[in-house]
């Protein structure tokens, strides 16, 4: 009997909050279309600024602040389910609040963020640097990815997942997040270190393999066999694009950019370099590759011009805005309300995936005789984060009905947790480095 008043009070509090929020919105903005992207963008920028400032003050990476802000204001946030208990994420009242309601627009702008992030990073890596780590990146990246895939697959089977669920989740967890790793390294001021160059090369290799995996897994799910022809086509196309960029592209694009820069008009130069960025991303997408690969190669071409530093300075503010939207929208789209249902499986898979990714990359570095400091730092950087391609792989399986629907929130939870622990792993690597070698800064 003592619990009855508490239940009544809880219901009254919820109803009061519900009525207060609805009334406040109607009085302040009675005719504002809250479902528009403009409203969503306002919430992203205001809440994002407040939350990331708080994380900056407590000396945490901004990327964690972005993800946390997204989880606070996203339509799947448990916070809003508590404040507005009668409807949930799809209720009219919640849609009226306008919290990240235009999901399709958010996905579009987040993709722009990834393109600009990889483009600006590409400017840091002229062809000479890329050429030095090409063979090693292919070898280390391949060893680290496929060794992780095999062990994660058998772990998933041991946890009770069926064959297709295990195969898709293993593929998803064997690929590190390019966007998250690059952003963390950039925030820490390490993007130009020798180990970071190797990491970026491995990430590009993994992106190419991810495209092959998506095609292969869909083939297995639909017809029960692997399409060797599609794998060969993807490898040939990727090779052709990279070789063409470093042979023909380097002779055409950099001189054109320098001619535009000679006009000494910053707006024209900005439009030109962004045209190269999105044009190359579009071309990569047309031939069946990741837009991230195209954007990175576009940045490499701009890096070969004499105006590379100016182009980077002009592009960086735009990149920062869209990258913030990307990470906030990732946090917003994750349904963490049922985290208790998947947390045990998620933790086990995270532990296995992180350990295998670290071990696989260390083995690859040893085989290719890399410096110990560079090996340790690159292995720690690649160990944890899973993100954009991981989500894409699982979503592809869910869309064609090949895997269980619970894999999508599972990979979402894993992506969030690994993004949170990634900066700490990289810092842990710094503590290990002096024990390995303390002679050179790599």
Protein backbone atom coordinates (compact mmCIF):
# COMPACT_ATOMS: atom_id res chain seq x y z
CA UNK A 1 0.00 0.00 0.00
CA UNK A 2 2.89 2.36 0.62
CA UNK A 3 3.91 2.23 -3.03
CA UNK A 4 0.59 3.60 -4.32
CA UNK A 5 1.23 7.29 -3.45
CA UNK A 6 4.67 7.08 -5.02
CA UNK A 7 3.20 5.75 -8.27
CA UNK A 8 0.55 8.48 -8.32
CA UNK A 9 3.16 11.17 -7.65
CA UNK A 10 5.38 9.82 -10.45
CA UNK A 11 2.47 9.87 -12.89
CA UNK A 12 1.54 13.42 -11.88
CA UNK A 13 5.12 14.57 -12.38
CA UNK A 14 5.28 13.03 -15.86
CA UNK A 15 1.91 14.53 -16.86
CA UNK A 16 2.91 17.91 -15.52
CA UNK A 17 6.18 17.89 -17.45
CA UNK A 18 4.36 16.74 -20.58
CA UNK A 19 1.82 19.57 -20.36
CA UNK A 20 4.45 22.17 -19.49
CA UNK A 21 6.69 21.31 -22.46
CA UNK A 22 3.77 21.24 -24.91
CA UNK A 23 2.29 24.50 -23.62
CA UNK A 24 5.64 26.29 -23.65
CA UNK A 25 6.34 25.32 -27.27
CA UNK A 26 2.88 26.36 -28.45
CA UNK A 27 3.12 29.75 -26.72
CA UNK A 28 6.62 30.64 -27.90
CA UNK A 29 6.49 29.38 -31.48
CA UNK A 30 2.91 28.51 -32.43
CA UNK A 31 3.50 28.51 -36.19
CA UNK A 32 7.12 27.26 -36.40
CA UNK A 33 7.53 24.00 -38.39
CA UNK A 34 9.55 22.14 -35.76
CA UNK A 35 10.19 19.21 -38.06
CA UNK A 36 12.36 21.34 -40.37
CA UNK A 37 16.09 20.83 -40.55
CA UNK A 38 16.66 24.44 -39.49
CA UNK A 39 15.19 23.65 -36.08
CA UNK A 40 17.28 20.50 -35.80
CA UNK A 41 20.41 22.44 -36.73
CA UNK A 42 19.67 24.98 -34.00
CA UNK A 43 19.41 22.23 -31.39
CA UNK A 44 22.64 20.62 -32.65
CA UNK A 45 24.66 23.82 -32.53
CA UNK A 46 23.34 25.16 -29.21
CA UNK A 47 23.32 21.93 -27.21
CA UNK A 48 26.50 20.73 -28.96
CA UNK A 49 28.35 23.91 -28.02
CA UNK A 50 27.31 23.70 -24.35
CA UNK A 51 28.12 20.00 -23.97
CA UNK A 52 31.45 20.09 -25.83
CA UNK A 53 32.52 23.12 -23.79
CA UNK A 54 31.84 21.11 -20.64
CA UNK A 55 33.89 18.19 -21.95
CA UNK A 56 36.69 20.58 -22.93
CA UNK A 57 36.74 21.98 -19.40
CA UNK A 58 37.15 18.49 -17.93
CA UNK A 59 39.90 17.78 -20.51
CA UNK A 60 38.06 15.08 -22.48
CA UNK A 61 38.19 14.69 -26.30
CA UNK A 62 35.54 16.75 -28.07
CA UNK A 63 34.36 13.71 -30.02
CA UNK A 64 33.01 12.23 -26.77
CA UNK A 65 31.15 15.49 -26.16
CA UNK A 66 29.65 15.33 -29.66
CA UNK A 67 28.38 11.78 -29.12
CA UNK A 68 27.02 12.61 -25.67
CA UNK A 69 25.22 15.70 -27.04
CA UNK A 70 23.65 13.57 -29.76
CA UNK A 71 22.41 11.04 -27.22
CA UNK A 72 20.87 13.85 -25.16
CA UNK A 73 18.91 15.49 -27.97
CA UNK A 74 18.25 12.52 -30.25
CA UNK A 75 14.71 11.21 -30.86
CA UNK A 76 15.72 7.84 -29.34
CA UNK A 77 17.10 9.34 -26.14
CA UNK A 78 15.73 7.80 -22.92
CA UNK A 79 15.64 11.35 -21.53
CA UNK A 80 12.74 12.32 -23.77
CA UNK A 81 10.95 9.03 -23.21
CA UNK A 82 10.98 9.88 -19.49
CA UNK A 83 9.88 13.51 -19.92
CA UNK A 84 7.17 12.57 -22.45
CA UNK A 85 6.09 9.10 -21.33
CA UNK A 86 2.77 8.95 -23.14
CA UNK A 87 4.14 8.83 -26.68
CA UNK A 88 7.78 7.87 -26.94
CA UNK A 89 10.04 8.73 -29.85
CA UNK A 90 7.27 8.68 -32.45
CA UNK A 91 4.71 10.75 -30.56
CA UNK A 92 3.29 13.98 -31.96
CA UNK A 93 4.43 15.87 -28.87
CA UNK A 94 8.03 14.74 -29.29
CA UNK A 95 8.00 15.56 -32.99
CA UNK A 96 6.67 18.99 -32.05
CA UNK A 97 9.72 19.59 -29.92
CA UNK A 98 11.70 19.20 -33.12
CA UNK A 99 14.62 17.27 -31.64
CA UNK A 100 16.64 15.99 -34.62
CA UNK A 101 13.44 15.11 -36.45
CA UNK A 102 14.78 15.30 -40.02
CA UNK A 103 16.92 12.16 -39.91
CA UNK A 104 17.47 11.98 -43.70
CA UNK A 105 18.94 15.50 -43.74
CA UNK A 106 21.16 14.64 -40.78
CA UNK A 107 22.50 11.59 -42.60
CA UNK A 108 23.25 13.75 -45.63
CA UNK A 109 25.10 16.40 -43.66
CA UNK A 110 26.99 13.80 -41.64
CA UNK A 111 28.24 12.26 -44.88
CA UNK A 112 29.46 15.70 -45.92
CA UNK A 113 31.32 15.84 -42.60
CA UNK A 114 33.17 12.59 -43.32
CA UNK A 115 34.08 13.78 -46.83
CA UNK A 116 35.48 17.10 -45.59
CA UNK A 117 37.31 15.47 -42.68
CA UNK A 118 39.14 13.01 -44.94
CA UNK A 119 39.80 15.74 -47.52
CA UNK A 120 41.50 18.07 -45.03
CA UNK A 121 43.49 15.15 -43.59
CA UNK A 122 44.54 14.18 -47.11
CA UNK A 123 46.12 17.61 -47.49
CA UNK A 124 48.48 16.63 -44.66
CA UNK A 125 49.79 13.70 -46.69
CA UNK A 126 51.46 14.48 -50.03
CA UNK A 127 52.24 11.63 -52.43
CA UNK A 128 55.80 11.16 -51.13
CA UNK A 129 54.55 10.21 -47.64
CA UNK A 130 51.86 7.87 -48.98
CA UNK A 131 54.30 6.09 -51.27
CA UNK A 132 56.61 5.29 -48.35
CA UNK A 133 53.96 3.38 -46.38
CA UNK A 134 51.88 1.86 -49.23
CA UNK A 135 53.17 -1.73 -49.15
CA UNK A 136 53.33 -1.87 -45.35
CA UNK A 137 49.80 -0.45 -44.97
CA UNK A 138 48.35 -3.07 -47.31
CA UNK A 139 50.11 -5.92 -45.52
CA UNK A 140 49.46 -4.81 -41.93
CA UNK A 141 45.89 -3.74 -42.66
CA UNK A 142 45.00 -7.05 -44.33
CA UNK A 143 46.54 -9.16 -41.55
CA UNK A 144 44.89 -7.15 -38.78
CA UNK A 145 41.46 -7.15 -40.42
CA UNK A 146 41.12 -10.80 -41.42
CA UNK A 147 42.67 -12.21 -38.23
CA UNK A 148 40.16 -10.15 -36.24
CA UNK A 149 37.29 -11.25 -38.48
CA UNK A 150 38.02 -14.95 -37.95
CA UNK A 151 38.31 -14.81 -34.16
CA UNK A 152 35.28 -12.53 -33.72
CA UNK A 153 33.19 -14.85 -35.92
CA UNK A 154 33.91 -17.90 -33.74
CA UNK A 155 33.35 -15.83 -30.59
CA UNK A 156 29.93 -14.72 -31.86
CA UNK A 157 29.02 -18.34 -32.66
CA UNK A 158 30.08 -19.36 -29.16
CA UNK A 159 27.80 -16.64 -27.75
CA UNK A 160 24.82 -18.24 -29.48
CA UNK A 161 24.47 -16.09 -32.61
CA UNK A 162 23.52 -17.89 -35.81
CA UNK A 163 25.87 -18.20 -38.80
CA UNK A 164 24.77 -15.08 -40.74
CA UNK A 165 24.54 -12.90 -37.61
CA UNK A 166 28.03 -14.01 -36.60
CA UNK A 167 29.43 -13.40 -40.09
CA UNK A 168 28.01 -9.87 -40.41
CA UNK A 169 28.94 -8.79 -36.87
CA UNK A 170 32.45 -10.18 -37.33
CA UNK A 171 32.90 -8.24 -40.56
CA UNK A 172 31.56 -5.07 -38.91
CA UNK A 173 33.84 -5.33 -35.88
CA UNK A 174 36.96 -6.09 -37.90
CA UNK A 175 36.98 -2.61 -39.48
CA UNK A 176 38.21 0.43 -37.55
CA UNK A 177 36.45 3.78 -37.85
CA UNK A 178 38.36 6.17 -40.11
CA UNK A 179 36.35 9.22 -39.03
CA UNK A 180 36.74 8.62 -35.28
CA UNK A 181 40.45 7.73 -35.34
CA UNK A 182 41.40 10.62 -37.58
CA UNK A 183 39.42 13.08 -35.45
CA UNK A 184 41.05 11.86 -32.23
CA UNK A 185 44.56 12.00 -33.69
CA UNK A 186 43.84 15.48 -35.03
CA UNK A 187 42.59 16.71 -31.63
CA UNK A 188 45.69 15.29 -29.95
CA UNK A 189 47.99 17.01 -32.44
CA UNK A 190 49.47 13.73 -33.69
CA UNK A 191 48.21 13.63 -37.23
CA UNK A 192 51.65 14.26 -38.75
CA UNK A 193 53.56 11.69 -36.72
CA UNK A 194 55.07 8.73 -38.54
CA UNK A 195 52.83 6.27 -36.73
CA UNK A 196 49.75 8.30 -37.69
CA UNK A 197 50.73 8.17 -41.37
CA UNK A 198 50.84 4.39 -41.13
CA UNK A 199 47.48 4.36 -39.33
CA UNK A 200 45.86 6.44 -42.06
CA UNK A 201 47.27 4.18 -44.75
CA UNK A 202 45.87 1.12 -42.98
CA UNK A 203 42.48 2.82 -42.61
CA UNK A 204 42.31 3.50 -46.35
CA UNK A 205 43.16 -0.16 -47.03
CA UNK A 206 40.41 -1.23 -44.61
CA UNK A 207 37.89 1.04 -46.36
CA UNK A 208 38.62 -0.72 -49.66
CA UNK A 209 38.29 -4.14 -48.00
CA UNK A 210 35.04 -2.98 -46.38
CA UNK A 211 33.54 -2.27 -49.80
CA UNK A 212 34.56 -5.77 -50.91
CA UNK A 213 33.11 -7.30 -47.73
CA UNK A 214 29.74 -5.58 -48.17
CA UNK A 215 29.43 -6.93 -51.72
CA UNK A 216 30.58 -10.42 -50.69
CA UNK A 217 28.32 -10.66 -47.63
CA UNK A 218 25.27 -9.58 -49.61
CA UNK A 219 26.13 -12.21 -52.22
CA UNK A 220 26.45 -14.90 -49.55
CA UNK A 221 23.17 -13.86 -47.94
CA UNK A 222 21.18 -13.77 -51.18
CA UNK A 223 22.59 -16.65 -53.25
CA UNK A 224 24.69 -18.58 -50.75
CA UNK A 225 28.00 -18.12 -52.60
CA UNK A 226 30.76 -15.54 -52.84
CA UNK A 227 30.91 -13.59 -56.09
CA UNK A 228 34.58 -13.77 -57.06
CA UNK A 229 33.90 -11.52 -60.04
CA UNK A 230 32.62 -8.67 -57.84
CA UNK A 231 35.67 -8.92 -55.57
CA UNK A 232 38.05 -8.79 -58.52
CA UNK A 233 36.17 -5.80 -59.97
CA UNK A 234 36.35 -3.81 -56.70
CA UNK A 235 40.09 -4.52 -56.29
CA UNK A 236 40.82 -3.52 -59.90
CA UNK A 237 38.73 -0.36 -59.66
CA UNK A 238 40.37 0.69 -56.38
CA UNK A 239 43.83 0.00 -57.81
CA UNK A 240 43.01 1.92 -60.98
CA UNK A 241 41.71 4.94 -59.05
CA UNK A 242 44.76 5.10 -56.76
CA UNK A 243 47.29 4.56 -59.56
CA UNK A 244 45.47 7.06 -61.78
CA UNK A 245 45.49 9.63 -58.99
CA UNK A 246 49.24 9.33 -58.40
CA UNK A 247 50.16 9.32 -62.09
CA UNK A 248 47.68 11.38 -64.11
CA UNK A 249 45.98 13.30 -61.31
CA UNK A 250 49.17 14.71 -59.80
CA UNK A 251 50.09 16.19 -63.19
CA UNK A 252 46.74 17.88 -63.80
CA UNK A 253 45.03 18.95 -60.55
CA UNK A 254 47.90 20.67 -58.62
CA UNK A 255 48.85 23.01 -61.52
CA UNK A 256 45.19 23.95 -61.99
CA UNK A 257 44.83 24.81 -58.29
CA UNK A 258 47.99 26.94 -58.42
CA UNK A 259 46.55 28.84 -61.40
CA UNK A 260 43.38 29.57 -59.45
CA UNK A 261 45.43 30.64 -56.43
CA UNK A 262 47.36 33.06 -58.64
CA UNK A 263 44.17 35.14 -58.89
CA UNK A 264 44.60 35.85 -55.15
CA UNK A 265 40.87 35.50 -54.47
CA UNK A 266 40.14 33.35 -51.43
CA UNK A 267 36.51 32.59 -52.28
CA UNK A 268 37.39 31.30 -55.74
CA UNK A 269 40.21 29.16 -54.34
CA UNK A 270 37.86 27.73 -51.68
CA UNK A 271 35.22 26.84 -54.26
CA UNK A 272 37.87 25.26 -56.48
CA UNK A 273 39.38 23.01 -53.82
CA UNK A 274 35.91 22.01 -52.58
CA UNK A 275 35.01 21.22 -56.18
CA UNK A 276 38.00 18.89 -56.37
CA UNK A 277 37.01 17.35 -53.02
CA UNK A 278 33.38 16.58 -53.83
CA UNK A 279 34.07 15.83 -57.47
CA UNK A 280 36.58 13.13 -56.54
CA UNK A 281 34.27 11.79 -53.81
CA UNK A 282 31.47 11.58 -56.40
CA UNK A 283 33.75 9.81 -58.88
CA UNK A 284 34.78 7.25 -56.25
CA UNK A 285 31.12 6.65 -55.40
CA UNK A 286 30.19 6.21 -59.07
CA UNK A 287 32.83 3.52 -59.58
CA UNK A 288 31.60 1.68 -56.47
CA UNK A 289 34.10 2.80 -53.82
CA UNK A 290 33.76 4.75 -50.58
CA UNK A 291 33.35 8.54 -50.79
CA UNK A 292 35.92 8.69 -47.98
CA UNK A 293 38.55 7.17 -50.28
CA UNK A 294 37.77 9.72 -53.00
CA UNK A 295 37.89 12.63 -50.56
CA UNK A 296 41.22 11.51 -49.13
CA UNK A 297 42.78 11.15 -52.59
CA UNK A 298 41.46 14.61 -53.49
CA UNK A 299 43.25 15.99 -50.44
CA UNK A 300 46.47 14.25 -51.51
CA UNK A 301 46.22 15.96 -54.91
CA UNK A 302 45.69 19.37 -53.30
CA UNK A 303 48.70 18.66 -51.06
CA UNK A 304 50.87 18.49 -54.20
CA UNK A 305 50.03 22.11 -55.06
CA UNK A 306 51.88 25.16 -53.80
CA UNK A 307 48.65 26.46 -52.22
CA UNK A 308 48.02 23.44 -50.00
CA UNK A 309 48.33 25.27 -46.66
CA UNK A 310 46.02 28.10 -47.76
CA UNK A 311 43.48 25.57 -49.05
CA UNK A 312 43.57 23.75 -45.73
CA UNK A 313 43.05 26.94 -43.73
CA UNK A 314 40.07 27.89 -45.88
CA UNK A 315 38.45 24.45 -45.72
CA UNK A 316 39.00 23.67 -42.03
CA UNK A 317 36.17 25.81 -40.52
CA UNK A 318 33.60 24.26 -42.86
CA UNK A 319 34.99 20.82 -42.08
CA UNK A 320 34.75 21.43 -38.33
CA UNK A 321 31.06 22.31 -38.54
CA UNK A 322 30.03 19.29 -40.61
CA UNK A 323 32.19 16.90 -38.61
CA UNK A 324 30.41 18.09 -35.46
CA UNK A 325 27.06 17.37 -37.14
CA UNK A 326 28.32 13.92 -38.13
CA UNK A 327 29.28 12.80 -34.64
CA UNK A 328 26.25 14.38 -32.97
CA UNK A 329 23.92 12.68 -35.45
CA UNK A 330 25.67 9.33 -34.85
CA UNK A 331 24.97 9.72 -31.13
CA UNK A 332 21.39 10.79 -31.86
CA UNK A 333 20.59 7.78 -34.03
CA UNK A 334 21.71 5.23 -31.43
CA UNK A 335 18.93 3.67 -29.39
CA UNK A 336 20.58 3.21 -26.00
CA UNK A 337 17.29 2.75 -24.12
CA UNK A 338 17.61 -1.05 -24.32
CA UNK A 339 21.31 -1.21 -23.57
CA UNK A 340 20.69 -3.67 -20.75
CA UNK A 341 19.47 -6.28 -23.25
CA UNK A 342 22.76 -6.33 -25.18
CA UNK A 343 25.39 -5.04 -22.78
CA UNK A 344 26.91 -8.43 -21.86
CA UNK A 345 27.28 -9.53 -25.50
CA UNK A 346 28.53 -6.06 -26.42
CA UNK A 347 31.24 -6.07 -23.73
CA UNK A 348 32.47 -9.54 -24.70
CA UNK A 349 32.61 -8.65 -28.40
CA UNK A 350 34.35 -5.34 -27.64
CA UNK A 351 36.99 -7.09 -25.55
CA UNK A 352 37.65 -9.74 -28.21
CA UNK A 353 37.58 -7.27 -31.12
CA UNK A 354 39.87 -4.78 -29.37
CA UNK A 355 42.34 -7.47 -28.33
CA UNK A 356 42.43 -9.09 -31.77
CA UNK A 357 42.71 -5.78 -33.60
CA UNK A 358 45.65 -4.80 -31.43
CA UNK A 359 47.30 -8.22 -31.72
CA UNK A 360 46.70 -8.55 -35.46
CA UNK A 361 48.22 -5.17 -36.20
CA UNK A 362 51.18 -5.85 -33.94
CA UNK A 363 51.84 -9.14 -35.75
CA UNK A 364 51.58 -7.36 -39.10
CA UNK A 365 54.03 -4.67 -37.97
CA UNK A 366 56.47 -7.32 -36.77
CA UNK A 367 56.24 -9.21 -40.07
CA UNK A 368 56.95 -6.03 -42.00
CA UNK A 369 59.75 -5.05 -39.60
CA UNK A 370 58.38 -1.72 -38.44
CA UNK A 371 59.88 0.26 -35.58
CA UNK A 372 58.62 -0.88 -32.21
CA UNK A 373 57.38 2.55 -31.14
CA UNK A 374 55.48 3.05 -34.38
CA UNK A 375 54.05 -0.48 -34.13
CA UNK A 376 52.77 0.04 -30.59
CA UNK A 377 51.23 3.43 -31.30
CA UNK A 378 49.52 2.35 -34.51
CA UNK A 379 48.19 -0.85 -32.90
CA UNK A 380 46.70 1.06 -29.95
CA UNK A 381 45.16 3.67 -32.27
CA UNK A 382 43.48 1.01 -34.44
CA UNK A 383 42.40 -1.27 -31.59
CA UNK A 384 39.07 0.07 -30.39
CA UNK A 385 36.90 2.37 -32.51
CA UNK A 386 34.17 0.97 -34.72
CA UNK A 387 31.92 3.40 -36.58
CA UNK A 388 30.63 4.31 -39.99
CA UNK A 389 31.47 1.16 -42.01
CA UNK A 390 30.54 -1.12 -39.11
CA UNK A 391 27.07 0.42 -39.03
CA UNK A 392 26.78 0.28 -42.84
CA UNK A 393 27.67 -3.44 -42.96
CA UNK A 394 25.11 -4.42 -40.31
CA UNK A 395 22.45 -2.15 -41.83
CA UNK A 396 23.00 -3.82 -45.23
CA UNK A 397 22.34 -7.20 -43.62
CA UNK A 398 19.24 -5.99 -41.80
CA UNK A 399 17.84 -4.31 -44.93
CA UNK A 400 17.94 -7.52 -47.00
CA UNK A 401 16.63 -9.60 -44.10
CA UNK A 402 19.81 -11.66 -43.80
CA UNK A 403 20.47 -10.96 -40.11
CA UNK A 404 18.49 -10.38 -36.92
CA UNK A 405 17.21 -6.84 -36.36
CA UNK A 406 18.79 -6.64 -32.89
CA UNK A 407 22.26 -6.43 -34.50
CA UNK A 408 21.68 -2.78 -35.42
CA UNK A 409 21.23 -1.45 -31.86
CA UNK A 410 24.00 -3.85 -30.80
CA UNK A 411 26.50 -2.36 -33.25
CA UNK A 412 25.29 1.09 -32.23
CA UNK A 413 26.08 0.42 -28.57
CA UNK A 414 29.47 -1.04 -29.51
CA UNK A 415 30.27 2.00 -31.68
CA UNK A 416 29.47 4.41 -28.84
CA UNK A 417 31.44 2.47 -26.20
CA UNK A 418 34.50 2.03 -28.44
CA UNK A 419 34.44 5.71 -29.41
CA UNK A 420 34.50 6.59 -25.70
CA UNK A 421 37.43 4.31 -24.85
CA UNK A 422 39.56 5.07 -27.94
CA UNK A 423 41.26 8.23 -26.60
CA UNK A 424 42.13 6.40 -23.40
CA UNK A 425 43.66 3.51 -25.35
CA UNK A 426 45.81 5.90 -27.35
CA UNK A 427 46.98 7.52 -24.11
CA UNK A 428 47.66 4.06 -22.69
CA UNK A 429 49.88 3.44 -25.70
CA UNK A 430 51.88 6.54 -24.77
CA UNK A 431 52.60 5.02 -21.37
CA UNK A 432 53.78 1.78 -22.97
CA UNK A 433 56.05 3.50 -25.51
CA UNK A 434 58.81 4.50 -23.01
CA UNK A 435 59.06 0.87 -21.97
CA UNK A 436 59.62 -0.18 -25.58
CA UNK A 437 61.91 2.54 -26.85
CA UNK A 438 62.52 6.12 -25.80
CA UNK A 439 64.89 7.40 -28.42
CA UNK A 440 62.86 8.78 -31.28
CA UNK A 441 59.61 10.68 -31.58
CA UNK A 442 57.62 8.80 -34.21
